[in-house]
C-alpha cells in the first residue's frame, strides 16, 4: 500500500497547501481549499522509460516525425497543420456543444486515412450509445476501436496491445488510477492521470486527445493546472441557439495560437465552413443603420465580421454600456472619444454594441468600425454598404495603424467590398484596380467619409399599438 498524506487542495487552481487557509495562495480565491488524502506514488516504470543520459544539442537528430494529416481542414488549421506524434491535446467545451461528435468524426477520419487503428476510450457512454451516434453521422467504423473503461492502468495496457495511431479519451474527468485515494475528477486524480498520459504519449510517439468538461465561467472543470500539462488546448465555442461552432486554439506548442476553425452543426455532424466570412455578414446590408464591417485576424486567417450598435435615450440617470463580442474596456474608450472628439452627445444615450455570428473580437483594429456603427445609430445615417473600416482609435481621436492591412483588404476585395477606411499613415496599395482606399487622420474625418446622409426620424404615434 502506498503511503498517504493529508493536504488541502484548491478546487479552482489545484494549489496544494499543508494546512487550511481561508484564501488560496495560488489564485487568491476564498474558501476553495478542501482537505484531501493523497497517496504518495513513486515514479512508475513508464516515466523512467523516458529518462536517458544528457546529449549535446548539436548531436540531436533534427529529423522528426511528420504530422498526421486530418481530412477536416479546419481542425488541421487550428492544430497547426495536423496531429503531432507524441502530443497531448486537451479538448474543452460546454456540455452539448458537440465535443463528442467532433471527436468521433476526427477518430473515424484518422482511422480511414491511417494504416494503424484508432482507439476511442469512453468513460461516459456505452458502446451501443456510441454506435448510435456513429450511425447518425454515417460512420462505418473500420479501423476504429471502442473501449469502455475508466481505470487508467487498464486503458494503458490496451493502448500498448493495440499500438494505435491516435487515442481519444472522453473524458479525463472519468478516468482514475488506483494509486490515488480519491474519486475520479478530483485534483490529484486528474493531475496524475494527465501526467501518465503525457509520459505514454511521449514514449510511444502517439498523439492523445482528451476531452475536458467546462464550468459555467468557461474554465476547464477541475484544476487549471491541466492546461499547463498538455501540449495543446482547444476550445469549442458557440451560441446556445446558433448552429455554428468555433474551434479555437488558446495554447499550442507546435503551432500558432488564436487560430480558429468554423463549423456548422447539421444532422450528420459538424461540417466545416469553406467561406467563414459569409457567416458573420448579413445577407442584405443595403442602407443599414448602426452596422459596419471590419476585417479582423484570427490567427493567420482574415475574417470579415459585422459590428452592430444601437443608441437609445436612457431611461435612468446613468447611461448603460453593453458589449457583446467586444471588449468592454474598448467600448468605453470609443464612446468617450466619440463624445469628446467627435462631439456626439452620448452622455444621455445607452450604447449597445455587438458582433454578429457569436465571434469575439478583441484586437484594436475593430475600433474604427465600432465607432462608425455607434455614430451611424446615433445620427440615423447608414454606413456605405461597400465600405470596410480598419484602424485603432486613439484617445486624442487619431486613427492609428494596425498590422497586416494588405491581407485584410484582400479578403474584403474577394467578398465584393470596394472601399476601405484606412489610417493615413498606412502606406499600402489597393488590392485591385477598382478598390478605393480612403485615408483618414482622425475620428471626425472618418465619420464624414464613412456615413451617408442622415435619415429623418419616424414620428411615433403615441397611444397606438404597432401590432
Protein backbone atom coordinates (compact mmCIF):
# COMPACT_ATOMS: atom_id res chain seq x y z
CA UNK A 1 0.00 0.00 0.00
CA UNK A 2 1.38 3.42 -0.89
CA UNK A 3 1.84 5.94 1.85
CA UNK A 4 -0.70 8.74 2.12
CA UNK A 5 -0.67 12.27 3.41
CA UNK A 6 -3.29 14.92 4.09
CA UNK A 7 -3.15 18.14 2.08
CA UNK A 8 -5.51 20.99 1.34
CA UNK A 9 -6.11 21.43 -2.39
CA UNK A 10 -7.71 24.44 -4.12
CA UNK A 11 -10.67 23.43 -6.27
CA UNK A 12 -10.00 26.31 -8.65
CA UNK A 13 -6.29 26.23 -9.47
CA UNK A 14 -5.09 22.98 -7.88
CA UNK A 15 -2.66 24.67 -5.48
CA UNK A 16 -1.69 22.41 -2.56
CA UNK A 17 -1.18 23.66 0.97
CA UNK A 18 -0.07 21.69 4.06
CA UNK A 19 -2.68 23.48 6.17
CA UNK A 20 -6.06 25.10 5.64
CA UNK A 21 -6.18 28.78 4.70
CA UNK A 22 -9.14 30.99 4.04
CA UNK A 23 -7.56 32.41 0.89
CA UNK A 24 -5.82 30.28 -1.71
CA UNK A 25 -2.15 31.33 -2.03
CA UNK A 26 -2.19 30.46 -5.72
CA UNK A 27 -5.27 32.07 -7.30
CA UNK A 28 -6.38 34.30 -4.43
CA UNK A 29 -9.91 32.84 -4.22
CA UNK A 30 -11.60 32.49 -0.84
CA UNK A 31 -12.92 29.26 0.72
CA UNK A 32 -11.66 26.99 -2.09
CA UNK A 33 -9.24 24.79 -0.07
CA UNK A 34 -10.58 21.32 0.75
CA UNK A 35 -8.94 18.56 2.74
CA UNK A 36 -7.89 15.55 0.68
CA UNK A 37 -5.89 12.42 1.35
CA UNK A 38 -3.27 11.96 -1.34
CA UNK A 39 -1.27 8.81 -1.87
CA UNK A 40 2.46 9.25 -2.35
CA UNK A 41 3.21 7.49 -5.63
CA UNK A 42 6.74 6.72 -6.68
CA UNK A 43 7.89 7.23 -10.24
CA UNK A 44 6.50 4.43 -12.41
CA UNK A 45 8.49 2.38 -14.85
CA UNK A 46 6.65 4.21 -17.62
CA UNK A 47 8.13 7.53 -16.52
CA UNK A 48 11.57 6.04 -16.02
CA UNK A 49 11.47 4.82 -19.62
CA UNK A 50 11.85 8.41 -20.80
CA UNK A 51 14.94 9.17 -18.76
CA UNK A 52 18.28 8.99 -20.57
CA UNK A 53 21.76 10.45 -20.46
CA UNK A 54 22.29 14.12 -21.35
CA UNK A 55 23.04 14.78 -25.01
CA UNK A 56 24.55 17.81 -26.69
CA UNK A 57 22.11 19.84 -28.74
CA UNK A 58 24.39 19.67 -31.77
CA UNK A 59 24.23 15.86 -31.67
CA UNK A 60 20.43 15.64 -31.53
CA UNK A 61 18.93 14.45 -34.80
CA UNK A 62 16.87 17.16 -36.44
CA UNK A 63 14.66 14.74 -38.34
CA UNK A 64 11.40 14.18 -36.51
CA UNK A 65 8.07 12.54 -37.09
CA UNK A 66 5.81 14.16 -39.63
CA UNK A 67 2.41 15.47 -38.64
CA UNK A 68 -0.57 13.21 -39.10
CA UNK A 69 -2.86 14.96 -41.62
CA UNK A 70 -6.58 15.20 -40.99
CA UNK A 71 -9.36 15.21 -43.56
CA UNK A 72 -11.07 18.11 -41.77
CA UNK A 73 -9.08 21.11 -42.89
CA UNK A 74 -10.46 23.36 -40.15
CA UNK A 75 -9.17 21.05 -37.41
CA UNK A 76 -5.78 20.79 -39.10
CA UNK A 77 -5.59 24.57 -39.32
CA UNK A 78 -6.25 25.01 -35.61
CA UNK A 79 -3.69 22.33 -34.73
CA UNK A 80 -1.07 23.99 -36.93
CA UNK A 81 -1.14 21.53 -39.85
CA UNK A 82 -2.12 18.20 -38.29
CA UNK A 83 -1.54 16.00 -35.27
CA UNK A 84 1.98 15.97 -33.86
CA UNK A 85 3.14 12.47 -32.79
CA UNK A 86 3.58 12.25 -29.05
CA UNK A 87 1.45 15.30 -28.26
CA UNK A 88 -1.29 15.52 -25.63
CA UNK A 89 -4.23 17.70 -26.72
CA UNK A 90 -6.92 18.97 -24.36
CA UNK A 91 -10.32 19.47 -25.99
CA UNK A 92 -12.75 21.59 -23.96
CA UNK A 93 -16.25 22.87 -24.44
CA UNK A 94 -19.60 23.40 -22.75
CA UNK A 95 -22.00 20.46 -22.34
CA UNK A 96 -23.90 19.75 -25.55
CA UNK A 97 -21.66 21.93 -27.72
CA UNK A 98 -20.58 18.98 -29.89
CA UNK A 99 -17.29 17.78 -28.38
CA UNK A 100 -18.04 14.06 -28.63
CA UNK A 101 -19.44 14.48 -32.13
CA UNK A 102 -16.33 16.21 -33.43
CA UNK A 103 -14.01 13.78 -31.63
CA UNK A 104 -15.79 10.80 -33.16
CA UNK A 105 -15.55 12.35 -36.63
CA UNK A 106 -11.82 13.00 -36.17
CA UNK A 107 -11.31 9.42 -34.94
CA UNK A 108 -13.18 7.92 -37.89
CA UNK A 109 -11.36 10.03 -40.49
CA UNK A 110 -7.97 9.25 -38.95
CA UNK A 111 -8.79 5.53 -38.96
CA UNK A 112 -9.70 5.71 -42.65
CA UNK A 113 -6.54 7.54 -43.68
CA UNK A 114 -4.11 5.69 -41.39
CA UNK A 115 -2.88 2.13 -41.67
CA UNK A 116 -2.92 1.77 -37.88
CA UNK A 117 -6.09 1.53 -35.77
CA UNK A 118 -7.58 4.34 -33.68
CA UNK A 119 -8.69 3.80 -30.08
CA UNK A 120 -11.71 5.69 -28.70
CA UNK A 121 -11.95 5.37 -24.91
CA UNK A 122 -15.26 6.44 -23.41
CA UNK A 123 -16.00 6.62 -19.71
CA UNK A 124 -19.36 8.32 -20.15
CA UNK A 125 -21.13 6.38 -22.92
CA UNK A 126 -21.55 2.71 -23.68
CA UNK A 127 -20.59 1.13 -26.97
CA UNK A 128 -24.21 0.91 -28.23
CA UNK A 129 -24.68 4.62 -27.49
CA UNK A 130 -21.53 5.50 -29.44
CA UNK A 131 -22.72 3.23 -32.24
CA UNK A 132 -26.00 5.16 -32.42
CA UNK A 133 -24.09 8.42 -32.85
CA UNK A 134 -21.80 6.87 -35.44
CA UNK A 135 -24.81 5.63 -37.41
CA UNK A 136 -26.31 9.11 -37.38
CA UNK A 137 -23.01 10.58 -38.58
CA UNK A 138 -22.65 8.00 -41.35
CA UNK A 139 -19.52 6.43 -39.80
CA UNK A 140 -18.95 2.75 -40.55
CA UNK A 141 -16.05 2.48 -38.12
CA UNK A 142 -13.48 0.43 -39.99
CA UNK A 143 -10.26 0.57 -38.00
CA UNK A 144 -11.94 2.43 -35.13
CA UNK A 145 -11.92 0.52 -31.83
CA UNK A 146 -14.13 1.37 -28.84
CA UNK A 147 -13.18 0.81 -25.20
CA UNK A 148 -15.44 1.35 -22.19
CA UNK A 149 -13.01 1.70 -19.29
CA UNK A 150 -12.18 4.23 -16.59
CA UNK A 151 -9.21 2.52 -14.93
CA UNK A 152 -6.13 4.19 -16.39
CA UNK A 153 -3.93 1.15 -15.82
CA UNK A 154 -6.27 -0.99 -17.90
CA UNK A 155 -6.52 1.73 -20.55
CA UNK A 156 -2.73 1.98 -20.90
CA UNK A 157 -2.49 -1.82 -21.11
CA UNK A 158 -4.97 -1.87 -24.00
CA UNK A 159 -3.15 1.02 -25.65
CA UNK A 160 0.11 -0.95 -25.52
CA UNK A 161 -1.56 -4.00 -27.08
CA UNK A 162 -3.28 -2.12 -29.91
CA UNK A 163 -0.46 0.35 -30.80
CA UNK A 164 -2.96 2.87 -32.23
CA UNK A 165 -2.26 5.84 -34.46
CA UNK A 166 -4.46 8.05 -32.28
CA UNK A 167 -6.03 7.73 -28.82
CA UNK A 168 -9.12 9.71 -27.78
CA UNK A 169 -10.25 9.73 -24.15
CA UNK A 170 -13.71 11.09 -23.38
CA UNK A 171 -13.35 12.42 -20.78
CA UNK A 172 -10.39 12.99 -18.44
CA UNK A 173 -12.75 13.60 -15.50
CA UNK A 174 -13.98 9.99 -15.64
CA UNK A 175 -10.54 8.35 -15.64
CA UNK A 176 -8.87 7.33 -12.39
CA UNK A 177 -5.87 5.43 -11.09
CA UNK A 178 -5.97 3.14 -8.06
CA UNK A 179 -2.72 4.63 -6.75
CA UNK A 180 -4.60 7.80 -5.76
CA UNK A 181 -7.17 7.51 -2.96
CA UNK A 182 -9.63 9.96 -4.44
CA UNK A 183 -12.76 9.88 -6.57
CA UNK A 184 -12.44 10.37 -10.35
CA UNK A 185 -12.39 14.02 -11.36
CA UNK A 186 -10.52 15.19 -8.28
CA UNK A 187 -7.47 17.39 -8.41
CA UNK A 188 -4.94 14.66 -7.70
CA UNK A 189 -6.65 12.13 -9.96
CA UNK A 190 -6.81 14.48 -12.95
CA UNK A 191 -3.23 15.61 -12.48
CA UNK A 192 -1.80 12.11 -12.08
CA UNK A 193 -3.79 10.67 -14.99
CA UNK A 194 -2.79 13.52 -17.28
CA UNK A 195 0.87 13.14 -16.28
CA UNK A 196 0.82 9.42 -17.07
CA UNK A 197 -0.88 10.03 -20.42
CA UNK A 198 1.78 12.61 -21.30
CA UNK A 199 4.52 10.13 -20.48
CA UNK A 200 2.88 7.36 -22.51
CA UNK A 201 2.34 9.67 -25.48
CA UNK A 202 5.97 10.82 -25.49
CA UNK A 203 7.33 7.29 -25.09
CA UNK A 204 5.14 5.78 -27.84
CA UNK A 205 5.10 8.85 -30.10
CA UNK A 206 1.31 8.56 -30.31
CA UNK A 207 -0.96 11.62 -30.18
CA UNK A 208 -3.53 11.52 -27.38
CA UNK A 209 -6.62 13.72 -27.44
CA UNK A 210 -8.52 14.10 -24.16
CA UNK A 211 -11.87 15.80 -23.64
CA UNK A 212 -12.45 18.04 -20.63
CA UNK A 213 -15.63 19.50 -19.21
CA UNK A 214 -16.04 23.25 -18.94
CA UNK A 215 -17.56 25.09 -15.97
CA UNK A 216 -20.03 27.98 -16.16
CA UNK A 217 -17.24 30.56 -16.21
CA UNK A 218 -15.57 28.87 -19.19
CA UNK A 219 -12.69 27.17 -17.33
CA UNK A 220 -11.76 23.52 -17.66
CA UNK A 221 -13.55 21.69 -14.85
CA UNK A 222 -11.14 20.69 -12.13
CA UNK A 223 -7.66 22.16 -11.75
CA UNK A 224 -6.45 24.69 -14.29
CA UNK A 225 -3.02 23.13 -13.99
CA UNK A 226 -4.25 20.61 -16.58
CA UNK A 227 -3.79 23.33 -19.20
CA UNK A 228 -0.10 23.56 -18.24
CA UNK A 229 0.47 19.81 -18.53
CA UNK A 230 -0.86 19.32 -22.05
CA UNK A 231 0.78 20.50 -25.28
CA UNK A 232 -2.30 21.99 -26.94
CA UNK A 233 -5.56 23.40 -25.60
CA UNK A 234 -8.58 23.65 -27.91
CA UNK A 235 -11.98 25.14 -27.08
CA UNK A 236 -15.21 24.51 -28.97
CA UNK A 237 -17.43 27.57 -28.62
CA UNK A 238 -20.83 28.62 -29.91
CA UNK A 239 -24.01 30.45 -29.07
CA UNK A 240 -26.74 28.29 -27.48
CA UNK A 241 -29.26 28.94 -30.27
CA UNK A 242 -26.82 29.06 -33.19
CA UNK A 243 -25.83 26.17 -35.45
CA UNK A 244 -22.29 27.49 -35.91
CA UNK A 245 -19.37 26.36 -33.77
CA UNK A 246 -15.92 27.92 -33.43
CA UNK A 247 -12.90 25.75 -32.62
CA UNK A 248 -10.26 27.97 -31.04
CA UNK A 249 -6.65 27.24 -30.08
CA UNK A 250 -5.51 29.04 -26.94
CA UNK A 251 -2.28 27.11 -26.43
CA UNK A 252 -0.18 25.26 -28.98
CA UNK A 253 3.45 24.28 -28.52
CA UNK A 254 3.68 23.18 -32.15
CA UNK A 255 1.81 25.94 -33.95
CA UNK A 256 0.23 29.35 -33.82
CA UNK A 257 -2.22 30.27 -31.08
CA UNK A 258 -5.56 32.03 -31.58
CA UNK A 259 -6.28 30.03 -34.73
CA UNK A 260 -9.97 29.32 -35.29
CA UNK A 261 -11.95 26.79 -37.26
CA UNK A 262 -15.57 27.41 -38.25
CA UNK A 263 -18.09 24.55 -38.26
CA UNK A 264 -21.83 24.23 -38.78
CA UNK A 265 -23.83 21.70 -36.80
CA UNK A 266 -26.07 19.62 -39.05
CA UNK A 267 -27.96 16.35 -38.71
CA UNK A 268 -24.98 14.36 -39.97
CA UNK A 269 -22.47 16.06 -37.66
CA UNK A 270 -20.21 19.07 -37.73
CA UNK A 271 -19.33 20.30 -41.21
CA UNK A 272 -16.56 22.77 -41.84
CA UNK A 273 -17.49 26.13 -43.35
CA UNK A 274 -15.48 26.84 -46.50
CA UNK A 275 -16.18 30.59 -46.53
CA UNK A 276 -16.43 31.67 -42.88
CA UNK A 277 -16.56 35.40 -43.64
CA UNK A 278 -20.06 34.99 -45.06
CA UNK A 279 -21.22 33.55 -41.73
CA UNK A 280 -20.55 36.81 -39.89
CA UNK A 281 -22.07 39.12 -42.52
CA UNK A 282 -25.72 39.92 -43.13
CA UNK A 283 -27.13 38.89 -46.46
CA UNK A 284 -28.76 42.29 -47.04
CA UNK A 285 -26.76 45.27 -45.83
CA UNK A 286 -28.22 47.94 -48.08
CA UNK A 287 -28.77 51.19 -46.17
CA UNK A 288 -28.45 49.50 -42.79
CA UNK A 289 -28.18 51.89 -39.85
CA UNK A 290 -25.84 51.09 -36.98
CA UNK A 291 -23.74 48.47 -38.79
CA UNK A 292 -20.13 48.46 -40.02
CA UNK A 293 -17.80 45.76 -41.37
CA UNK A 294 -14.19 45.20 -40.32
CA UNK A 295 -11.64 42.60 -41.49
CA UNK A 296 -10.14 41.03 -38.35
CA UNK A 297 -7.36 38.48 -37.99
CA UNK A 298 -7.99 35.22 -36.18
CA UNK A 299 -4.56 33.70 -36.05
CA UNK A 300 -3.35 33.67 -39.66
CA UNK A 301 -6.84 33.93 -41.17
CA UNK A 302 -8.56 37.21 -42.12
CA UNK A 303 -12.30 37.23 -41.39
CA UNK A 304 -14.88 39.87 -42.20
CA UNK A 305 -17.21 40.47 -39.27
CA UNK A 306 -20.12 42.84 -38.82
CA UNK A 307 -20.31 45.10 -35.79
CA UNK A 308 -23.75 46.40 -34.90
CA UNK A 309 -24.55 49.19 -32.47
CA UNK A 310 -27.68 50.74 -31.05
CA UNK A 311 -28.03 54.01 -29.19
CA UNK A 312 -31.15 54.94 -27.29
CA UNK A 313 -32.16 57.66 -24.85
CA UNK A 314 -31.50 56.32 -21.38
CA UNK A 315 -34.48 55.79 -19.09
CA UNK A 316 -32.39 56.22 -15.96
CA UNK A 317 -29.88 58.76 -14.74
CA UNK A 318 -26.83 56.65 -15.56
CA UNK A 319 -26.45 55.57 -19.21
CA UNK A 320 -25.65 51.93 -19.83
CA UNK A 321 -22.85 50.45 -21.93
CA UNK A 322 -23.28 46.87 -23.16
CA UNK A 323 -20.74 44.91 -25.21
CA UNK A 324 -21.42 41.52 -26.76
CA UNK A 325 -18.42 40.04 -28.54
CA UNK A 326 -16.35 43.20 -27.97
CA UNK A 327 -14.02 44.15 -25.17
CA UNK A 328 -15.97 46.25 -22.69
CA UNK A 329 -12.99 48.48 -21.97
CA UNK A 330 -12.53 49.25 -25.67
CA UNK A 331 -16.21 50.15 -25.92
CA UNK A 332 -15.86 52.67 -23.09
CA UNK A 333 -12.83 54.24 -24.80
CA UNK A 334 -14.59 54.50 -28.16
CA UNK A 335 -17.70 56.03 -26.57
CA UNK A 336 -15.61 58.57 -24.69
CA UNK A 337 -13.65 59.53 -27.83
CA UNK A 338 -16.85 59.98 -29.83
CA UNK A 339 -18.25 62.21 -27.12
CA UNK A 340 -15.11 64.29 -26.57
CA UNK A 341 -13.51 64.44 -30.03
CA UNK A 342 -16.46 63.97 -32.42
CA UNK A 343 -18.92 65.99 -30.27
CA UNK A 344 -21.59 63.30 -30.17
CA UNK A 345 -23.83 63.72 -27.14
CA UNK A 346 -23.65 60.14 -25.89
CA UNK A 347 -23.80 61.10 -22.21
CA UNK A 348 -27.59 60.62 -22.24
CA UNK A 349 -27.59 57.58 -24.54
CA UNK A 350 -27.48 53.88 -23.81
CA UNK A 351 -24.89 52.31 -26.13
CA UNK A 352 -25.16 48.64 -27.09
CA UNK A 353 -22.52 47.08 -29.38
CA UNK A 354 -22.46 43.52 -30.65
CA UNK A 355 -20.52 41.29 -33.05
CA UNK A 356 -22.76 39.13 -35.23
CA UNK A 357 -22.25 35.40 -35.55
CA UNK A 358 -21.05 34.77 -31.99
CA UNK A 359 -17.42 35.73 -32.67
CA UNK A 360 -15.38 37.55 -30.01
CA UNK A 361 -13.21 40.39 -31.34
CA UNK A 362 -10.52 41.76 -29.05
CA UNK A 363 -8.00 43.41 -31.38
CA UNK A 364 -7.89 47.24 -31.62
CA UNK A 365 -8.26 47.09 -35.42
CA UNK A 366 -12.04 46.90 -34.90
CA UNK A 367 -12.17 50.28 -33.07
CA UNK A 368 -12.96 52.33 -36.16
CA UNK A 369 -15.75 50.02 -37.30
CA UNK A 370 -17.30 50.07 -33.81
CA UNK A 371 -17.11 53.88 -33.77
CA UNK A 372 -18.80 54.05 -37.20
CA UNK A 373 -21.59 51.73 -36.06
CA UNK A 374 -22.24 53.80 -32.91
CA UNK A 375 -22.21 57.11 -34.80
CA UNK A 376 -24.43 55.62 -37.52
CA UNK A 377 -27.05 54.63 -34.97
CA UNK A 378 -26.85 57.95 -33.14
CA UNK A 379 -27.14 60.07 -36.30
CA UNK A 380 -29.50 57.60 -38.03
CA UNK A 381 -27.13 57.70 -41.00
CA UNK A 382 -26.31 54.43 -42.81
CA UNK A 383 -22.75 53.30 -43.46
CA UNK A 384 -21.80 52.73 -47.09
CA UNK A 385 -22.56 49.00 -47.71
CA UNK A 386 -19.45 48.74 -49.94
CA UNK A 387 -17.18 50.05 -47.17
CA UNK A 388 -14.96 48.34 -44.60
CA UNK A 389 -13.20 50.19 -41.77
CA UNK A 390 -9.79 49.33 -40.35
CA UNK A 391 -7.94 51.21 -37.63
CA UNK A 392 -7.31 51.74 -33.94
CA UNK A 393 -8.89 54.79 -32.32
CA UNK A 394 -6.53 56.72 -30.05
CA UNK A 395 -7.56 58.79 -27.04
CA UNK A 396 -6.93 62.04 -28.90
CA UNK A 397 -9.18 60.89 -31.74
CA UNK A 398 -6.40 59.90 -34.16
CA UNK A 399 -6.68 56.75 -36.29
CA UNK A 400 -3.66 54.57 -35.68
CA UNK A 401 -2.15 51.93 -37.93
CA UNK A 402 -2.69 48.17 -37.42
CA UNK A 403 -0.66 45.22 -38.73
CA UNK A 404 -1.28 43.23 -41.92
CA UNK A 405 -3.73 45.61 -43.55
CA UNK A 406 -2.95 44.18 -47.00
CA UNK A 407 -4.26 40.75 -46.05
CA UNK A 408 -7.39 42.24 -44.53
CA UNK A 409 -8.10 44.28 -47.67
CA UNK A 410 -7.55 41.27 -49.92
CA UNK A 411 -10.28 39.38 -48.06
CA UNK A 412 -12.62 42.37 -48.33
CA UNK A 413 -11.95 42.65 -52.06
CA UNK A 414 -12.65 38.94 -52.53
CA UNK A 415 -16.09 39.32 -50.94
CA UNK A 416 -17.08 42.27 -53.12
CA UNK A 417 -16.30 45.32 -50.98
CA UNK A 418 -14.92 48.28 -52.96
CA UNK A 419 -13.97 50.90 -50.35
CA UNK A 420 -11.94 50.94 -47.16
CA UNK A 421 -11.25 53.48 -44.46
CA UNK A 422 -7.59 53.07 -43.51
CA UNK A 423 -5.19 55.08 -41.31
CA UNK A 424 -3.47 57.89 -43.16
CA UNK A 425 -0.02 56.54 -42.26
CA UNK A 426 -0.76 53.08 -43.72
CA UNK A 427 1.29 53.17 -46.89
CA UNK A 428 -0.34 50.37 -48.82
CA UNK A 429 -1.68 49.71 -52.29
CA UNK A 430 -5.29 48.74 -53.06
CA UNK A 431 -5.82 45.02 -53.65
CA UNK A 432 -7.36 45.66 -57.09
CA UNK A 433 -7.80 48.48 -59.58
CA UNK A 434 -11.45 49.11 -58.73
CA UNK A 435 -10.83 49.15 -54.96
CA UNK A 436 -10.68 52.62 -53.38
CA UNK A 437 -8.65 53.43 -50.27
CA UNK A 438 -9.84 56.37 -48.14
CA UNK A 439 -7.06 57.52 -45.77
CA UNK A 440 -8.39 59.14 -42.60
CA UNK A 441 -6.43 61.04 -39.97
CA UNK A 442 -8.90 61.37 -37.09
CA UNK A 443 -12.31 60.23 -35.97
CA UNK A 444 -14.17 63.26 -37.29
CA UNK A 445 -12.82 62.76 -40.80
CA UNK A 446 -13.68 59.06 -40.59
CA UNK A 447 -17.28 59.86 -39.73
CA UNK A 448 -17.54 62.33 -42.61
CA UNK A 449 -16.18 59.79 -45.09
CA UNK A 450 -17.97 56.72 -43.78
CA UNK A 451 -21.50 57.95 -43.06
CA UNK A 452 -24.06 58.84 -45.69
CA UNK A 453 -26.89 61.35 -45.38
CA UNK A 454 -28.90 61.02 -42.19
CA UNK A 455 -32.45 59.77 -42.39
CA UNK A 456 -35.40 61.51 -40.85
CA UNK A 457 -36.55 60.02 -37.59
CA UNK A 458 -40.03 58.45 -37.88
CA UNK A 459 -42.60 60.10 -35.69
CA UNK A 460 -44.04 57.70 -33.14
CA UNK A 461 -47.79 57.76 -32.74
CA UNK A 462 -48.44 57.89 -29.01
CA UNK A 463 -51.24 55.81 -27.60
CA UNK A 464 -51.38 53.35 -30.53
CA UNK A 465 -50.19 49.78 -30.65
CA UNK A 466 -47.87 48.90 -33.52
CA UNK A 467 -49.35 45.41 -33.88
